[in-house]
C-alpha cells in the first residue's frame, strides 16, 4: 500500500456520555485482511446506533473497530488477500461493522456496492445502513407486497424516508407517522399517501379511517413502548409488525388475544451482528433490485445536514434533537 499514511484522523469516544465525549484523534490506519478492502472515506452516515454506542449501550461486535460509523462512501485504495470484486480507484459505498468516522475504513468486499450513477459521495454515504435495514425488515421479514398498506413510524427519519420511497416503488400504499406538520409534508413529498402527525392525532384511529377499518398489512416500528400494543391494534388480519428499535423502551404490557385472532406476525431484527454471508445476500439483492431505480432517478436519499468529520459531536446533538428530516452526514 504505497503512499498511504500509517496514521489517520478518526473520531473516538472518550468515555460513555453525551455528544461532547466525541473527539478527534490520530490512530493507526487499518490494514485490510482477507476479503477486505480499504476505503479512503469521503463521507460517512450518522445513524441512531452510533449515538447508542457513544452512550455505552451498544458495544461493537467482536473484531469491529471502537470508532463509530456504520456506513461510508469513498474510493478503494487497497485490497486484502482474496479480494476479486473491487480494485484501487473504484468509487464505492459500504456497510461496515464500525470505523466509518475516520479518514480510512475497512469494508468486506461483499458488503460494498458501487456509488450509483448520478449520486454524489455525500448521497452515497446515506445509502448502506438505511437501505440494508429497510430491505431486510420491510421486504424480507415483513414481506411487503404491491397493493398492501404499509405503516412506517418515524417517517421523516433516514430509515423512514427510505422506507417510504421503497414501499411506493414496489407498489404499496404508504402511511407515515411523524411529529410535526413540516415532517408530515416531507413524507407526503416523498410519496407517502398519507402522513399522520402523532402529536395531533391517534395513528391507530387515523390508519383505520384511511383503510376503511382494515388496518395496515406491514408496520415498521422504531418507537416501541406503548406503540407495541397500538401496532397490534392497528394491524390488519394477517399483518406483520417489524420492530427495529425502541426509542420509547423495549417493554410493554400486551394483550395477545388480537395477535391470535388476527393471525399476526411479530418480528424484528438487528443488522450489525449478522454474518458476512447474510449481509452479502442483502447487498446482492439491493444491487439487483434497488440500484437500477436509484440510477434511474426514481429514488434518492434525502439529506438533512452535512457536517465536517471534526464536528461529529454537533451531528450527534442534531440526531438526538430529532428535528432533522432525512440523513445526517459527515464529510472527510
C-alpha atoms as a PDB file:
ATOM      1  CA  UNK A   1       0.000   0.000   0.000  1.00  0.00           C
ATOM      2  CA  UNK A   2       2.423   2.685  -1.169  1.00  0.00           C
ATOM      3  CA  UNK A   3       1.917   6.349  -0.334  1.00  0.00           C
ATOM      4  CA  UNK A   4      -0.687   5.701   2.350  1.00  0.00           C
ATOM      5  CA  UNK A   5      -0.104   7.233   5.784  1.00  0.00           C
ATOM      6  CA  UNK A   6       0.370   4.885   8.708  1.00  0.00           C
ATOM      7  CA  UNK A   7      -1.917   7.008  10.914  1.00  0.00           C
ATOM      8  CA  UNK A   8      -5.219   8.732  10.306  1.00  0.00           C
ATOM      9  CA  UNK A   9      -7.720  11.050  11.934  1.00  0.00           C
ATOM     10  CA  UNK A  10     -10.721   9.312  13.459  1.00  0.00           C
ATOM     11  CA  UNK A  11     -13.476  10.147  15.924  1.00  0.00           C
ATOM     12  CA  UNK A  12     -13.029   8.469  19.297  1.00  0.00           C
ATOM     13  CA  UNK A  13     -15.457   8.042  22.179  1.00  0.00           C
ATOM     14  CA  UNK A  14     -13.544   9.384  25.200  1.00  0.00           C
ATOM     15  CA  UNK A  15     -15.964   7.777  27.656  1.00  0.00           C
ATOM     16  CA  UNK A  16     -19.659   6.876  27.627  1.00  0.00           C
ATOM     17  CA  UNK A  17     -21.748  10.028  27.640  1.00  0.00           C
ATOM     18  CA  UNK A  18     -23.287  12.833  25.619  1.00  0.00           C
ATOM     19  CA  UNK A  19     -22.171  14.174  22.231  1.00  0.00           C
ATOM     20  CA  UNK A  20     -19.302  16.116  23.829  1.00  0.00           C
ATOM     21  CA  UNK A  21     -17.403  12.856  24.523  1.00  0.00           C
ATOM     22  CA  UNK A  22     -16.654  12.547  20.794  1.00  0.00           C
ATOM     23  CA  UNK A  23     -13.185  13.815  19.921  1.00  0.00           C
ATOM     24  CA  UNK A  24     -10.729  13.692  17.012  1.00  0.00           C
ATOM     25  CA  UNK A  25      -7.645  11.540  17.467  1.00  0.00           C
ATOM     26  CA  UNK A  26      -4.755  10.241  15.405  1.00  0.00           C
ATOM     27  CA  UNK A  27      -4.870   6.456  15.375  1.00  0.00           C
ATOM     28  CA  UNK A  28      -3.174   3.732  13.302  1.00  0.00           C
ATOM     29  CA  UNK A  29      -4.618   3.270   9.832  1.00  0.00           C
ATOM     30  CA  UNK A  30      -6.190  -0.184   9.426  1.00  0.00           C
ATOM     31  CA  UNK A  31      -4.777  -2.769   7.037  1.00  0.00           C
ATOM     32  CA  UNK A  32      -7.175  -4.926   5.005  1.00  0.00           C
ATOM     33  CA  UNK A  33      -7.372  -8.609   5.853  1.00  0.00           C
ATOM     34  CA  UNK A  34      -8.689 -11.472   3.758  1.00  0.00           C
ATOM     35  CA  UNK A  35     -11.710 -10.361   1.697  1.00  0.00           C
ATOM     36  CA  UNK A  36     -11.448  -6.766   2.895  1.00  0.00           C
ATOM     37  CA  UNK A  37     -10.898  -3.508   1.053  1.00  0.00           C
ATOM     38  CA  UNK A  38      -9.548  -0.237   2.420  1.00  0.00           C
ATOM     39  CA  UNK A  39     -11.683   2.779   1.551  1.00  0.00           C
ATOM     40  CA  UNK A  40     -10.446   6.371   1.649  1.00  0.00           C
ATOM     41  CA  UNK A  41     -13.573   7.844   3.182  1.00  0.00           C
ATOM     42  CA  UNK A  42     -15.218  10.826   1.525  1.00  0.00           C
ATOM     43  CA  UNK A  43     -18.393  10.765   3.632  1.00  0.00           C
ATOM     44  CA  UNK A  44     -19.947   8.724   6.418  1.00  0.00           C
ATOM     45  CA  UNK A  45     -23.561   8.397   7.508  1.00  0.00           C
ATOM     46  CA  UNK A  46     -24.668   9.169  11.065  1.00  0.00           C
ATOM     47  CA  UNK A  47     -27.186   6.708  12.478  1.00  0.00           C
ATOM     48  CA  UNK A  48     -29.088   6.234  15.718  1.00  0.00           C
ATOM     49  CA  UNK A  49     -26.994   3.158  16.697  1.00  0.00           C
ATOM     50  CA  UNK A  50     -23.912   5.415  16.664  1.00  0.00           C
ATOM     51  CA  UNK A  51     -25.426   7.562  19.416  1.00  0.00           C
ATOM     52  CA  UNK A  52     -26.353   4.477  21.431  1.00  0.00           C
ATOM     53  CA  UNK A  53     -22.795   3.165  21.082  1.00  0.00           C
ATOM     54  CA  UNK A  54     -21.489   6.543  22.255  1.00  0.00           C
ATOM     55  CA  UNK A  55     -23.591   6.220  25.414  1.00  0.00           C
ATOM     56  CA  UNK A  56     -22.008   2.832  26.137  1.00  0.00           C
ATOM     57  CA  UNK A  57     -25.186   0.866  25.420  1.00  0.00           C
ATOM     58  CA  UNK A  58     -24.312  -0.732  22.062  1.00  0.00           C
ATOM     59  CA  UNK A  59     -20.754  -2.101  22.072  1.00  0.00           C
ATOM     60  CA  UNK A  60     -19.155  -3.049  18.754  1.00  0.00           C
ATOM     61  CA  UNK A  61     -19.303  -6.755  17.882  1.00  0.00           C
ATOM     62  CA  UNK A  62     -16.111  -8.789  18.364  1.00  0.00           C
ATOM     63  CA  UNK A  63     -13.399  -7.695  15.955  1.00  0.00           C
ATOM     64  CA  UNK A  64     -15.105  -4.435  14.949  1.00  0.00           C
ATOM     65  CA  UNK A  65     -13.346  -1.098  15.477  1.00  0.00           C
ATOM     66  CA  UNK A  66     -14.169   1.044  18.506  1.00  0.00           C
ATOM     67  CA  UNK A  67     -14.535   4.016  16.148  1.00  0.00           C
ATOM     68  CA  UNK A  68     -18.248   4.613  15.426  1.00  0.00           C
ATOM     69  CA  UNK A  69     -19.766   4.741  11.963  1.00  0.00           C
ATOM     70  CA  UNK A  70     -21.720   2.038  10.106  1.00  0.00           C
ATOM     71  CA  UNK A  71     -21.712   3.301   6.506  1.00  0.00           C
ATOM     72  CA  UNK A  72     -19.246   5.087   4.263  1.00  0.00           C
ATOM     73  CA  UNK A  73     -18.665   6.204   0.710  1.00  0.00           C
ATOM     74  CA  UNK A  74     -15.295   6.787  -0.859  1.00  0.00           C
ATOM     75  CA  UNK A  75     -12.548   5.350  -3.052  1.00  0.00           C
ATOM     76  CA  UNK A  76     -10.918   1.946  -2.810  1.00  0.00           C
ATOM     77  CA  UNK A  77      -7.194   2.441  -2.142  1.00  0.00           C
ATOM     78  CA  UNK A  78      -6.074  -1.086  -1.213  1.00  0.00           C
ATOM     79  CA  UNK A  79      -7.340  -4.651  -1.147  1.00  0.00           C
ATOM     80  CA  UNK A  80      -6.528  -7.586   1.088  1.00  0.00           C
ATOM     81  CA  UNK A  81      -5.863 -11.181   0.037  1.00  0.00           C
ATOM     82  CA  UNK A  82      -8.673 -12.892  -1.846  1.00  0.00           C
ATOM     83  CA  UNK A  83     -10.445  -9.725  -2.999  1.00  0.00           C
ATOM     84  CA  UNK A  84     -11.810 -10.054  -6.531  1.00  0.00           C
ATOM     85  CA  UNK A  85     -14.777  -7.675  -6.703  1.00  0.00           C
ATOM     86  CA  UNK A  86     -13.014  -4.302  -6.381  1.00  0.00           C
ATOM     87  CA  UNK A  87      -9.777  -2.617  -7.336  1.00  0.00           C
ATOM     88  CA  UNK A  88      -7.974   0.575  -6.401  1.00  0.00           C
ATOM     89  CA  UNK A  89      -9.755   3.623  -7.773  1.00  0.00           C
ATOM     90  CA  UNK A  90     -13.284   2.178  -7.630  1.00  0.00           C
ATOM     91  CA  UNK A  91     -15.894   4.528  -6.162  1.00  0.00           C
ATOM     92  CA  UNK A  92     -17.948   2.602  -3.625  1.00  0.00           C
ATOM     93  CA  UNK A  93     -20.254   2.785  -0.634  1.00  0.00           C
ATOM     94  CA  UNK A  94     -20.260   0.132   2.047  1.00  0.00           C
ATOM     95  CA  UNK A  95     -21.974  -1.220   5.125  1.00  0.00           C
ATOM     96  CA  UNK A  96     -19.350  -1.612   7.838  1.00  0.00           C
ATOM     97  CA  UNK A  97     -19.312  -3.020  11.362  1.00  0.00           C
ATOM     98  CA  UNK A  98     -17.747   0.202  12.667  1.00  0.00           C
ATOM     99  CA  UNK A  99     -14.930   2.592  11.873  1.00  0.00           C
ATOM    100  CA  UNK A 100     -16.792   4.892   9.489  1.00  0.00           C
ATOM    101  CA  UNK A 101     -15.975   8.138  11.308  1.00  0.00           C
ATOM    102  CA  UNK A 102     -12.412   8.175  10.002  1.00  0.00           C
ATOM    103  CA  UNK A 103     -10.206   9.036   7.050  1.00  0.00           C
ATOM    104  CA  UNK A 104      -9.846   5.354   6.131  1.00  0.00           C
ATOM    105  CA  UNK A 105     -12.204   2.450   6.797  1.00  0.00           C
ATOM    106  CA  UNK A 106     -12.213  -1.281   6.164  1.00  0.00           C
ATOM    107  CA  UNK A 107     -15.152  -2.982   4.485  1.00  0.00           C
ATOM    108  CA  UNK A 108     -15.806  -6.556   3.429  1.00  0.00           C
ATOM    109  CA  UNK A 109     -15.835  -6.689  -0.362  1.00  0.00           C
ATOM    110  CA  UNK A 110     -19.247  -8.388  -0.408  1.00  0.00           C
ATOM    111  CA  UNK A 111     -20.842  -5.645   1.729  1.00  0.00           C
ATOM    112  CA  UNK A 112     -19.747  -2.996  -0.743  1.00  0.00           C
ATOM    113  CA  UNK A 113     -21.712  -1.509  -3.636  1.00  0.00           C
ATOM    114  CA  UNK A 114     -20.795   0.887  -6.423  1.00  0.00           C
ATOM    115  CA  UNK A 115     -21.690   4.526  -5.958  1.00  0.00           C
ATOM    116  CA  UNK A 116     -24.847   4.790  -8.096  1.00  0.00           C
ATOM    117  CA  UNK A 117     -24.518   6.887 -11.230  1.00  0.00           C
ATOM    118  CA  UNK A 118     -25.813  10.383 -10.643  1.00  0.00           C
ATOM    119  CA  UNK A 119     -25.203  10.410  -6.873  1.00  0.00           C
ATOM    120  CA  UNK A 120     -22.516  12.331  -5.019  1.00  0.00           C
ATOM    121  CA  UNK A 121     -20.313  10.718  -2.398  1.00  0.00           C
ATOM    122  CA  UNK A 122     -22.345  12.507   0.266  1.00  0.00           C
ATOM    123  CA  UNK A 123     -25.560  10.997  -1.082  1.00  0.00           C
ATOM    124  CA  UNK A 124     -23.983   7.557  -1.492  1.00  0.00           C
ATOM    125  CA  UNK A 125     -22.915   7.571   2.164  1.00  0.00           C
ATOM    126  CA  UNK A 126     -26.602   7.843   3.087  1.00  0.00           C
ATOM    127  CA  UNK A 127     -27.459   4.532   1.404  1.00  0.00           C
ATOM    128  CA  UNK A 128     -25.961   1.418   3.015  1.00  0.00           C
ATOM    129  CA  UNK A 129     -27.218   1.318   6.612  1.00  0.00           C
ATOM    130  CA  UNK A 130     -30.717   2.532   5.801  1.00  0.00           C
ATOM    131  CA  UNK A 131     -31.233   0.584   2.584  1.00  0.00           C
ATOM    132  CA  UNK A 132     -29.892  -2.669   4.025  1.00  0.00           C
ATOM    133  CA  UNK A 133     -32.127  -2.163   7.078  1.00  0.00           C
ATOM    134  CA  UNK A 134     -35.277  -1.317   5.140  1.00  0.00           C
ATOM    135  CA  UNK A 135     -34.822  -4.088   2.598  1.00  0.00           C
ATOM    136  CA  UNK A 136     -34.320  -6.870   5.125  1.00  0.00           C
ATOM    137  CA  UNK A 137     -37.063  -5.727   7.503  1.00  0.00           C
ATOM    138  CA  UNK A 138     -39.807  -4.418   5.214  1.00  0.00           C
ATOM    139  CA  UNK A 139     -39.464  -6.726   2.231  1.00  0.00           C
ATOM    140  CA  UNK A 140     -37.845  -9.886   3.624  1.00  0.00           C
ATOM    141  CA  UNK A 141     -39.119 -10.140   7.195  1.00  0.00           C
ATOM    142  CA  UNK A 142     -42.269  -8.087   6.603  1.00  0.00           C
ATOM    143  CA  UNK A 143     -42.958  -9.489   3.137  1.00  0.00           C
ATOM    144  CA  UNK A 144     -44.496  -6.255   1.854  1.00  0.00           C
ATOM    145  CA  UNK A 145     -46.253  -6.766  -1.479  1.00  0.00           C
ATOM    146  CA  UNK A 146     -47.745  -4.495  -4.118  1.00  0.00           C
ATOM    147  CA  UNK A 147     -51.237  -3.390  -3.183  1.00  0.00           C
ATOM    148  CA  UNK A 148     -50.721  -3.772   0.568  1.00  0.00           C
ATOM    149  CA  UNK A 149     -50.822  -0.947   3.120  1.00  0.00           C
ATOM    150  CA  UNK A 150     -47.546  -0.090   4.798  1.00  0.00           C
ATOM    151  CA  UNK A 151     -47.392   1.950   8.017  1.00  0.00           C
ATOM    152  CA  UNK A 152     -43.997   3.399   8.918  1.00  0.00           C
ATOM    153  CA  UNK A 153     -43.307   5.217  12.163  1.00  0.00           C
ATOM    154  CA  UNK A 154     -40.650   7.906  12.183  1.00  0.00           C
ATOM    155  CA  UNK A 155     -41.385   8.640   8.557  1.00  0.00           C
ATOM    156  CA  UNK A 156     -39.062  11.651   8.396  1.00  0.00           C
ATOM    157  CA  UNK A 157     -36.005   9.782   9.716  1.00  0.00           C
ATOM    158  CA  UNK A 158     -33.318   8.314   7.494  1.00  0.00           C
ATOM    159  CA  UNK A 159     -34.958   4.896   7.778  1.00  0.00           C
ATOM    160  CA  UNK A 160     -38.428   6.370   7.317  1.00  0.00           C
ATOM    161  CA  UNK A 161     -37.638   8.419   4.223  1.00  0.00           C
ATOM    162  CA  UNK A 162     -36.003   5.369   2.648  1.00  0.00           C
ATOM    163  CA  UNK A 163     -38.892   3.079   3.589  1.00  0.00           C
ATOM    164  CA  UNK A 164     -41.480   5.464   2.107  1.00  0.00           C
ATOM    165  CA  UNK A 165     -39.676   5.595  -1.230  1.00  0.00           C
ATOM    166  CA  UNK A 166     -39.021   1.864  -1.492  1.00  0.00           C
ATOM    167  CA  UNK A 167     -42.545   0.878  -0.457  1.00  0.00           C
ATOM    168  CA  UNK A 168     -44.020   3.223  -3.057  1.00  0.00           C
ATOM    169  CA  UNK A 169     -41.565   1.983  -5.689  1.00  0.00           C
ATOM    170  CA  UNK A 170     -42.786  -1.578  -5.206  1.00  0.00           C
ATOM    171  CA  UNK A 171     -46.466  -0.690  -5.305  1.00  0.00           C
ATOM    172  CA  UNK A 172     -47.614  -0.391  -1.690  1.00  0.00           C
ATOM    173  CA  UNK A 173     -49.901   2.220  -0.183  1.00  0.00           C
ATOM    174  CA  UNK A 174     -47.868   4.160   2.385  1.00  0.00           C
ATOM    175  CA  UNK A 175     -48.977   5.791   5.619  1.00  0.00           C
ATOM    176  CA  UNK A 176     -46.293   7.551   7.677  1.00  0.00           C
ATOM    177  CA  UNK A 177     -46.289   8.991  11.174  1.00  0.00           C
ATOM    178  CA  UNK A 178     -44.159  11.996  12.114  1.00  0.00           C
ATOM    179  CA  UNK A 179     -44.022  14.634  14.826  1.00  0.00           C
ATOM    180  CA  UNK A 180     -44.686  17.926  13.047  1.00  0.00           C
ATOM    181  CA  UNK A 181     -46.536  19.435  10.105  1.00  0.00           C
ATOM    182  CA  UNK A 182     -43.191  20.054   8.375  1.00  0.00           C
ATOM    183  CA  UNK A 183     -42.150  16.417   8.776  1.00  0.00           C
ATOM    184  CA  UNK A 184     -45.526  15.187   7.566  1.00  0.00           C
ATOM    185  CA  UNK A 185     -45.229  17.418   4.500  1.00  0.00           C
ATOM    186  CA  UNK A 186     -41.809  15.913   3.779  1.00  0.00           C
ATOM    187  CA  UNK A 187     -43.272  12.398   3.973  1.00  0.00           C
ATOM    188  CA  UNK A 188     -46.017  13.326   1.506  1.00  0.00           C
ATOM    189  CA  UNK A 189     -43.488  14.896  -0.861  1.00  0.00           C
ATOM    190  CA  UNK A 190     -41.508  11.647  -0.847  1.00  0.00           C
ATOM    191  CA  UNK A 191     -44.577   9.703  -1.930  1.00  0.00           C
ATOM    192  CA  UNK A 192     -46.498   8.745   1.201  1.00  0.00           C
ATOM    193  CA  UNK A 193     -50.236   8.519   0.534  1.00  0.00           C
ATOM    194  CA  UNK A 194     -50.964   9.927   3.984  1.00  0.00           C
ATOM    195  CA  UNK A 195     -48.969  11.345   6.887  1.00  0.00           C
ATOM    196  CA  UNK A 196     -50.231  11.433  10.461  1.00  0.00           C
ATOM    197  CA  UNK A 197     -48.906  13.950  12.967  1.00  0.00           C
ATOM    198  CA  UNK A 198     -48.841  11.763  16.061  1.00  0.00           C
ATOM    199  CA  UNK A 199     -48.866  14.850  18.301  1.00  0.00           C
ATOM    200  CA  UNK A 200     -52.267  15.874  16.956  1.00  0.00           C
ATOM    201  CA  UNK A 201     -53.973  12.601  16.071  1.00  0.00           C
ATOM    202  CA  UNK A 202     -54.185   8.952  17.128  1.00  0.00           C
ATOM    203  CA  UNK A 203     -52.381   6.953  14.463  1.00  0.00           C
ATOM    204  CA  UNK A 204     -54.496   3.879  15.239  1.00  0.00           C
ATOM    205  CA  UNK A 205     -57.780   5.664  14.552  1.00  0.00           C
ATOM    206  CA  UNK A 206     -56.403   7.561  11.558  1.00  0.00           C
ATOM    207  CA  UNK A 207     -54.888   4.489   9.922  1.00  0.00           C
ATOM    208  CA  UNK A 208     -58.142   2.576  10.340  1.00  0.00           C
ATOM    209  CA  UNK A 209     -60.056   5.508   8.864  1.00  0.00           C
ATOM    210  CA  UNK A 210     -57.691   5.683   5.902  1.00  0.00           C
ATOM    211  CA  UNK A 211     -58.043   1.937   5.259  1.00  0.00           C
ATOM    212  CA  UNK A 212     -61.822   1.683   5.787  1.00  0.00           C
ATOM    213  CA  UNK A 213     -61.260  -0.088   9.087  1.00  0.00           C
ATOM    214  CA  UNK A 214     -58.907  -2.744   7.691  1.00  0.00           C
ATOM    215  CA  UNK A 215     -55.602  -1.549   9.151  1.00  0.00           C
ATOM    216  CA  UNK A 216     -52.014  -1.911   7.947  1.00  0.00           C
ATOM    217  CA  UNK A 217     -50.568  -5.070   6.417  1.00  0.00           C
ATOM    218  CA  UNK A 218     -46.957  -4.271   7.359  1.00  0.00           C
ATOM    219  CA  UNK A 219     -45.814  -1.956  10.159  1.00  0.00           C
ATOM    220  CA  UNK A 220     -42.209  -0.806  10.609  1.00  0.00           C
ATOM    221  CA  UNK A 221     -41.648   0.398  14.155  1.00  0.00           C
ATOM    222  CA  UNK A 222     -38.627   2.029  15.751  1.00  0.00           C
ATOM    223  CA  UNK A 223     -40.507   3.547  18.712  1.00  0.00           C
ATOM    224  CA  UNK A 224     -41.543   0.634  20.918  1.00  0.00           C
ATOM    225  CA  UNK A 225     -43.052   1.400  24.321  1.00  0.00           C
ATOM    226  CA  UNK A 226     -46.788   1.939  24.076  1.00  0.00           C
ATOM    227  CA  UNK A 227     -46.549   1.677  20.265  1.00  0.00           C
ATOM    228  CA  UNK A 228     -46.115  -2.091  20.644  1.00  0.00           C
ATOM    229  CA  UNK A 229     -49.707  -2.610  21.792  1.00  0.00           C
ATOM    230  CA  UNK A 230     -51.041   0.080  19.464  1.00  0.00           C
ATOM    231  CA  UNK A 231     -49.388  -1.558  16.455  1.00  0.00           C
ATOM    232  CA  UNK A 232     -51.233  -4.771  17.313  1.00  0.00           C
ATOM    233  CA  UNK A 233     -54.473  -2.786  17.419  1.00  0.00           C
ATOM    234  CA  UNK A 234     -53.935  -1.198  14.012  1.00  0.00           C
ATOM    235  CA  UNK A 235     -52.567  -4.246  12.175  1.00  0.00           C
ATOM    236  CA  UNK A 236     -54.785  -5.839   9.538  1.00  0.00           C
ATOM    237  CA  UNK A 237     -55.684  -9.510   9.639  1.00  0.00           C
ATOM    238  CA  UNK A 238     -52.554 -11.396   8.618  1.00  0.00           C
ATOM    239  CA  UNK A 239     -50.442  -8.316   9.350  1.00  0.00           C
ATOM    240  CA  UNK A 240     -46.715  -8.285  10.027  1.00  0.00           C
ATOM    241  CA  UNK A 241     -45.201  -5.961  12.644  1.00  0.00           C
ATOM    242  CA  UNK A 242     -41.445  -5.466  12.398  1.00  0.00           C
ATOM    243  CA  UNK A 243     -39.515  -3.818  15.244  1.00  0.00           C
ATOM    244  CA  UNK A 244     -36.059  -2.385  14.578  1.00  0.00           C
ATOM    245  CA  UNK A 245     -35.524  -0.038  17.548  1.00  0.00           C
ATOM    246  CA  UNK A 246     -37.106   1.005  20.831  1.00  0.00           C
ATOM    247  CA  UNK A 247     -36.764   4.744  21.345  1.00  0.00           C
ATOM    248  CA  UNK A 248     -39.532   4.586  23.958  1.00  0.00           C
ATOM    249  CA  UNK A 249     -38.282   1.361  25.529  1.00  0.00           C
ATOM    250  CA  UNK A 250     -38.471  -2.370  24.679  1.00  0.00           C
ATOM    251  CA  UNK A 251     -41.110  -3.415  27.212  1.00  0.00           C
ATOM    252  CA  UNK A 252     -44.898  -3.159  27.136  1.00  0.00           C
ATOM    253  CA  UNK A 253     -47.999  -4.796  28.552  1.00  0.00           C
ATOM    254  CA  UNK A 254     -49.660  -6.518  25.614  1.00  0.00           C
ATOM    255  CA  UNK A 255     -52.948  -8.335  25.108  1.00  0.00           C
ATOM    256  CA  UNK A 256     -52.022 -11.227  22.818  1.00  0.00           C
ATOM    257  CA  UNK A 257     -55.593 -12.196  22.000  1.00  0.00           C
ATOM    258  CA  UNK A 258     -55.665  -9.922  18.887  1.00  0.00           C
ATOM    259  CA  UNK A 259     -52.369 -11.480  17.775  1.00  0.00           C
ATOM    260  CA  UNK A 260     -54.074 -14.851  17.715  1.00  0.00           C
ATOM    261  CA  UNK A 261     -57.420 -13.698  16.318  1.00  0.00           C
ATOM    262  CA  UNK A 262     -55.846 -11.607  13.535  1.00  0.00           C
ATOM    263  CA  UNK A 263     -53.084 -14.161  12.831  1.00  0.00           C
ATOM    264  CA  UNK A 264     -50.385 -11.535  13.231  1.00  0.00           C
ATOM    265  CA  UNK A 265     -46.650 -11.959  12.915  1.00  0.00           C
ATOM    266  CA  UNK A 266     -44.470 -10.020  15.359  1.00  0.00           C
ATOM    267  CA  UNK A 267     -40.832  -9.969  14.305  1.00  0.00           C
ATOM    268  CA  UNK A 268     -37.753  -7.782  14.252  1.00  0.00           C
ATOM    269  CA  UNK A 269     -34.044  -7.808  13.636  1.00  0.00           C
ATOM    270  CA  UNK A 270     -30.706  -6.117  14.099  1.00  0.00           C
ATOM    271  CA  UNK A 271     -28.220  -5.670  11.278  1.00  0.00           C
ATOM    272  CA  UNK A 272     -24.779  -5.126  12.775  1.00  0.00           C
ATOM    273  CA  UNK A 273     -24.249  -8.620  14.314  1.00  0.00           C
ATOM    274  CA  UNK A 274     -25.328 -10.535  11.209  1.00  0.00           C
ATOM    275  CA  UNK A 275     -22.928 -12.854   9.439  1.00  0.00           C
ATOM    276  CA  UNK A 276     -20.797 -11.914   6.453  1.00  0.00           C
ATOM    277  CA  UNK A 277     -22.927 -14.204   4.280  1.00  0.00           C
ATOM    278  CA  UNK A 278     -26.236 -12.657   5.375  1.00  0.00           C
ATOM    279  CA  UNK A 279     -25.043  -9.113   4.687  1.00  0.00           C
ATOM    280  CA  UNK A 280     -23.590 -10.207   1.351  1.00  0.00           C
ATOM    281  CA  UNK A 281     -27.000 -11.591   0.325  1.00  0.00           C
ATOM    282  CA  UNK A 282     -28.613  -8.259   1.202  1.00  0.00           C
ATOM    283  CA  UNK A 283     -26.028  -6.393  -0.867  1.00  0.00           C
ATOM    284  CA  UNK A 284     -26.742  -8.627  -3.873  1.00  0.00           C
ATOM    285  CA  UNK A 285     -30.488  -8.051  -3.547  1.00  0.00           C
ATOM    286  CA  UNK A 286     -30.041  -4.286  -3.358  1.00  0.00           C
ATOM    287  CA  UNK A 287     -27.725  -4.188  -6.361  1.00  0.00           C
ATOM    288  CA  UNK A 288     -30.201  -6.200  -8.417  1.00  0.00           C
ATOM    289  CA  UNK A 289     -33.497  -4.667  -7.344  1.00  0.00           C
ATOM    290  CA  UNK A 290     -32.814  -1.203  -5.903  1.00  0.00           C
ATOM    291  CA  UNK A 291     -29.658   0.197  -7.512  1.00  0.00           C
ATOM    292  CA  UNK A 292     -31.258   0.391 -11.013  1.00  0.00           C
ATOM    293  CA  UNK A 293     -34.162   2.609  -9.860  1.00  0.00           C
ATOM    294  CA  UNK A 294     -31.711   4.770  -7.895  1.00  0.00           C
ATOM    295  CA  UNK A 295     -29.636   5.263 -11.042  1.00  0.00           C
ATOM    296  CA  UNK A 296     -32.828   5.989 -12.995  1.00  0.00           C
ATOM    297  CA  UNK A 297     -33.614   8.812 -10.558  1.00  0.00           C
ATOM    298  CA  UNK A 298     -36.715   7.167  -9.111  1.00  0.00           C
ATOM    299  CA  UNK A 299     -35.259   7.069  -5.580  1.00  0.00           C
ATOM    300  CA  UNK A 300     -32.854   9.491  -3.951  1.00  0.00           C
ATOM    301  CA  UNK A 301     -31.653   9.704  -0.356  1.00  0.00           C
ATOM    302  CA  UNK A 302     -32.866  12.770   1.483  1.00  0.00           C
ATOM    303  CA  UNK A 303     -30.018  14.655   3.176  1.00  0.00           C
ATOM    304  CA  UNK A 304     -30.813  16.978   6.070  1.00  0.00           C
ATOM    305  CA  UNK A 305     -27.438  18.320   7.220  1.00  0.00           C
ATOM    306  CA  UNK A 306     -23.782  17.747   6.351  1.00  0.00           C
ATOM    307  CA  UNK A 307     -21.039  18.300   8.940  1.00  0.00           C
ATOM    308  CA  UNK A 308     -17.259  18.017   8.651  1.00  0.00           C
ATOM    309  CA  UNK A 309     -15.826  14.988  10.457  1.00  0.00           C
ATOM    310  CA  UNK A 310     -14.433  17.179  13.235  1.00  0.00           C
ATOM    311  CA  UNK A 311     -17.992  18.246  14.086  1.00  0.00           C
ATOM    312  CA  UNK A 312     -19.241  14.734  14.832  1.00  0.00           C
ATOM    313  CA  UNK A 313     -20.446  15.952  18.243  1.00  0.00           C
ATOM    314  CA  UNK A 314     -22.694  18.511  16.543  1.00  0.00           C
ATOM    315  CA  UNK A 315     -24.043  15.791  14.258  1.00  0.00           C
ATOM    316  CA  UNK A 316     -24.914  13.611  17.244  1.00  0.00           C
ATOM    317  CA  UNK A 317     -26.562  16.523  19.042  1.00  0.00           C
ATOM    318  CA  UNK A 318     -28.750  17.117  15.993  1.00  0.00           C
ATOM    319  CA  UNK A 319     -29.622  13.414  15.780  1.00  0.00           C
ATOM    320  CA  UNK A 320     -30.716  13.376  19.406  1.00  0.00           C
ATOM    321  CA  UNK A 321     -32.744  16.573  18.995  1.00  0.00           C
ATOM    322  CA  UNK A 322     -34.781  14.672  16.356  1.00  0.00           C
ATOM    323  CA  UNK A 323     -35.511  17.805  14.372  1.00  0.00           C
ATOM    324  CA  UNK A 324     -33.840  16.502  11.225  1.00  0.00           C
ATOM    325  CA  UNK A 325     -35.642  15.258   8.115  1.00  0.00           C
ATOM    326  CA  UNK A 326     -33.653  12.583   6.301  1.00  0.00           C
ATOM    327  CA  UNK A 327     -30.000  11.725   6.822  1.00  0.00           C
ATOM    328  CA  UNK A 328     -27.157  13.419   8.692  1.00  0.00           C
ATOM    329  CA  UNK A 329     -23.757  13.034   7.011  1.00  0.00           C
ATOM    330  CA  UNK A 330     -20.133  13.627   7.985  1.00  0.00           C
ATOM    331  CA  UNK A 331     -17.664  14.586   5.260  1.00  0.00           C
ATOM    332  CA  UNK A 332     -13.970  13.831   5.492  1.00  0.00           C
END
